[in-house]
Amino acid sequence: MKILVIDDDPAMTELLKLLLEPTQADLLTSNSGEEGIRLVKEQTPDIVVLDLMMPKVDGWQVCKAIREFSSMPILVLSALDSPGVVATALDAGADDYLIKPVPSGVLIAHINNLLKRKRPEMNVKSKETTV
């Protein structure tokens, strides 16, 4: 399994990488929307974990760009918790939305849920911490 994390905060991508490493997934990270879109095209991850608030190309734009060529699961992980923001992200093509901070077990459960729809045999193990 391959997970791509796109977040402009290098500390957050490193934290997510550490939290998701025990799942034995192939973890890719990007700190910009442009690079994230490029990695989706080149690496074809099984799922994208995406932040919304990024400079230049934000998460909504990344979502829309990915949806132009792929139906891979997109999980938004954002500090923005307004119902309107959640609705806009889902309308842009996100499959799920979690608000930071989120326990790692909940994040992994949501990843598993999205991957089950893609391929039922994909499943990652949980180790509880908070993102």
Protein backbone atom coordinates (compact mmCIF):
# COMPACT_ATOMS: atom_id res chain seq x y z
CA MET A 1 0.00 0.00 0.00
CA LYS A 2 1.18 3.52 -0.81
CA ILE A 3 0.08 6.63 1.14
CA LEU A 4 0.86 10.17 -0.03
CA VAL A 5 0.71 12.92 2.62
CA ILE A 6 0.46 16.48 1.25
CA ASP A 7 0.88 19.28 3.82
CA ASP A 8 2.86 22.50 3.55
CA ASP A 9 4.16 22.10 7.13
CA PRO A 10 7.27 19.87 7.06
CA ALA A 11 6.84 19.12 10.77
CA MET A 12 3.33 17.77 10.09
CA THR A 13 4.41 15.60 7.15
CA GLU A 14 7.24 14.19 9.27
CA LEU A 15 4.88 13.54 12.19
CA LEU A 16 2.38 11.78 9.94
CA LYS A 17 5.19 9.81 8.35
CA LEU A 18 6.32 8.63 11.80
CA LEU A 19 2.78 7.83 12.92
CA LEU A 20 1.97 5.88 9.77
CA GLU A 21 5.33 4.06 9.43
CA PRO A 22 4.24 1.15 11.67
CA THR A 23 1.48 0.40 9.14
CA GLN A 24 4.24 -0.82 6.79
CA ALA A 25 2.79 1.33 4.02
CA ASP A 26 5.05 2.96 1.47
CA LEU A 27 4.87 6.58 2.67
CA LEU A 28 5.44 9.54 0.39
CA THR A 29 5.32 13.17 1.51
CA SER A 30 5.01 16.50 -0.23
CA ASN A 31 5.13 20.02 1.17
CA SER A 32 3.38 21.75 -1.74
CA GLY A 33 0.24 21.29 -3.75
CA GLU A 34 2.11 21.38 -7.06
CA GLU A 35 4.53 18.65 -6.02
CA GLY A 36 1.68 16.63 -4.51
CA ILE A 37 -0.21 16.59 -7.81
CA ARG A 38 2.98 15.57 -9.62
CA LEU A 39 3.58 12.73 -7.14
CA VAL A 40 0.01 11.49 -7.54
CA LYS A 41 0.57 11.24 -11.30
CA GLU A 42 4.04 9.66 -11.03
CA GLN A 43 3.65 7.39 -7.99
CA THR A 44 -0.09 6.52 -8.13
CA PRO A 45 -0.61 6.19 -4.38
CA ASP A 46 -3.51 4.17 -3.01
CA ILE A 47 -4.70 7.13 -0.90
CA VAL A 48 -3.87 10.80 -0.39
CA VAL A 49 -3.95 12.51 3.02
CA LEU A 50 -4.31 16.20 2.24
CA ASP A 51 -4.14 19.50 4.13
CA LEU A 52 -6.28 22.37 2.83
CA MET A 53 -4.38 25.48 3.83
CA MET A 54 -1.30 25.65 1.61
CA PRO A 55 0.26 28.55 -0.30
CA LYS A 56 0.00 28.82 -4.10
CA VAL A 57 -1.98 25.63 -4.79
CA ASP A 58 -4.27 24.89 -1.83
CA GLY A 59 -5.93 21.61 -0.88
CA TRP A 60 -9.18 22.41 -2.68
CA GLN A 61 -7.23 22.96 -5.91
CA VAL A 62 -5.23 19.77 -5.35
CA CYS A 63 -8.48 17.84 -4.85
CA LYS A 64 -9.99 19.19 -8.04
CA ALA A 65 -6.79 18.53 -10.02
CA ILE A 66 -6.59 14.90 -8.82
CA ARG A 67 -10.26 14.35 -9.66
CA GLU A 68 -9.55 15.34 -13.26
CA PHE A 69 -7.55 12.12 -13.75
CA SER A 70 -8.14 9.81 -10.76
CA SER A 71 -10.77 8.49 -8.38
CA MET A 72 -8.24 7.47 -5.70
CA PRO A 73 -9.41 8.12 -2.13
CA ILE A 74 -8.60 11.58 -0.74
CA LEU A 75 -8.74 12.13 3.02
CA VAL A 76 -8.58 15.77 4.08
CA LEU A 77 -6.81 16.33 7.40
CA SER A 78 -7.20 19.98 8.35
CA ALA A 79 -7.38 22.30 11.34
CA LEU A 80 -10.36 24.04 9.70
CA ASP A 81 -13.53 22.85 11.38
CA SER A 82 -16.27 25.00 9.86
CA PRO A 83 -19.16 22.97 8.39
CA GLY A 84 -18.99 25.13 5.26
CA VAL A 85 -15.28 24.34 4.80
CA VAL A 86 -15.94 20.62 5.22
CA ALA A 87 -18.76 20.79 2.65
CA THR A 88 -16.56 22.72 0.20
CA ALA A 89 -13.76 20.16 0.52
CA LEU A 90 -16.17 17.27 -0.05
CA ASP A 91 -17.66 19.12 -3.03
CA ALA A 92 -14.13 19.57 -4.42
CA GLY A 93 -13.72 15.79 -4.49
CA ALA A 94 -12.52 14.73 -1.03
CA ASP A 95 -13.86 11.39 0.19
CA ASP A 96 -13.49 12.07 3.91
CA TYR A 97 -12.59 14.92 6.27
CA LEU A 98 -10.90 14.82 9.67
CA ILE A 99 -10.13 17.77 11.92
CA LYS A 100 -6.68 18.14 13.52
CA PRO A 101 -5.75 17.05 16.09
CA VAL A 102 -6.92 13.49 15.51
CA PRO A 103 -5.77 10.32 17.31
CA SER A 104 -3.62 8.18 15.02
CA GLY A 105 -5.97 5.23 15.54
CA VAL A 106 -8.89 7.28 14.20
CA LEU A 107 -6.79 8.46 11.24
CA ILE A 108 -5.78 4.89 10.42
CA ALA A 109 -9.39 3.68 10.80
CA HIS A 110 -10.56 6.30 8.29
CA ILE A 111 -7.72 5.35 5.91
CA ASN A 112 -8.75 1.69 6.24
CA ASN A 113 -12.38 2.56 5.59
CA LEU A 114 -11.54 4.42 2.38
CA LEU A 115 -9.16 1.70 1.20
CA LYS A 116 -11.74 -1.04 1.81
CA ARG A 117 -13.91 0.64 -0.78
CA LYS A 118 -10.99 0.65 -3.20
CA ARG A 119 -9.58 -2.80 -2.42
CA PRO A 120 -11.04 -4.89 0.42
CA GLU A 121 -7.71 -6.65 1.11
CA MET A 122 -5.95 -3.38 2.03
CA ASN A 123 -5.80 -2.81 5.77
CA VAL A 124 -3.33 -1.06 8.07
CA LYS A 125 -2.78 -1.69 11.76
CA SER A 126 -3.45 0.95 14.41
CA LYS A 127 -1.08 2.29 17.07
CA GLU A 128 -2.79 5.00 19.14
CA THR A 129 -1.25 8.51 19.26
CA THR A 130 -2.59 11.94 18.36
CA VAL A 131 -1.80 14.01 15.27
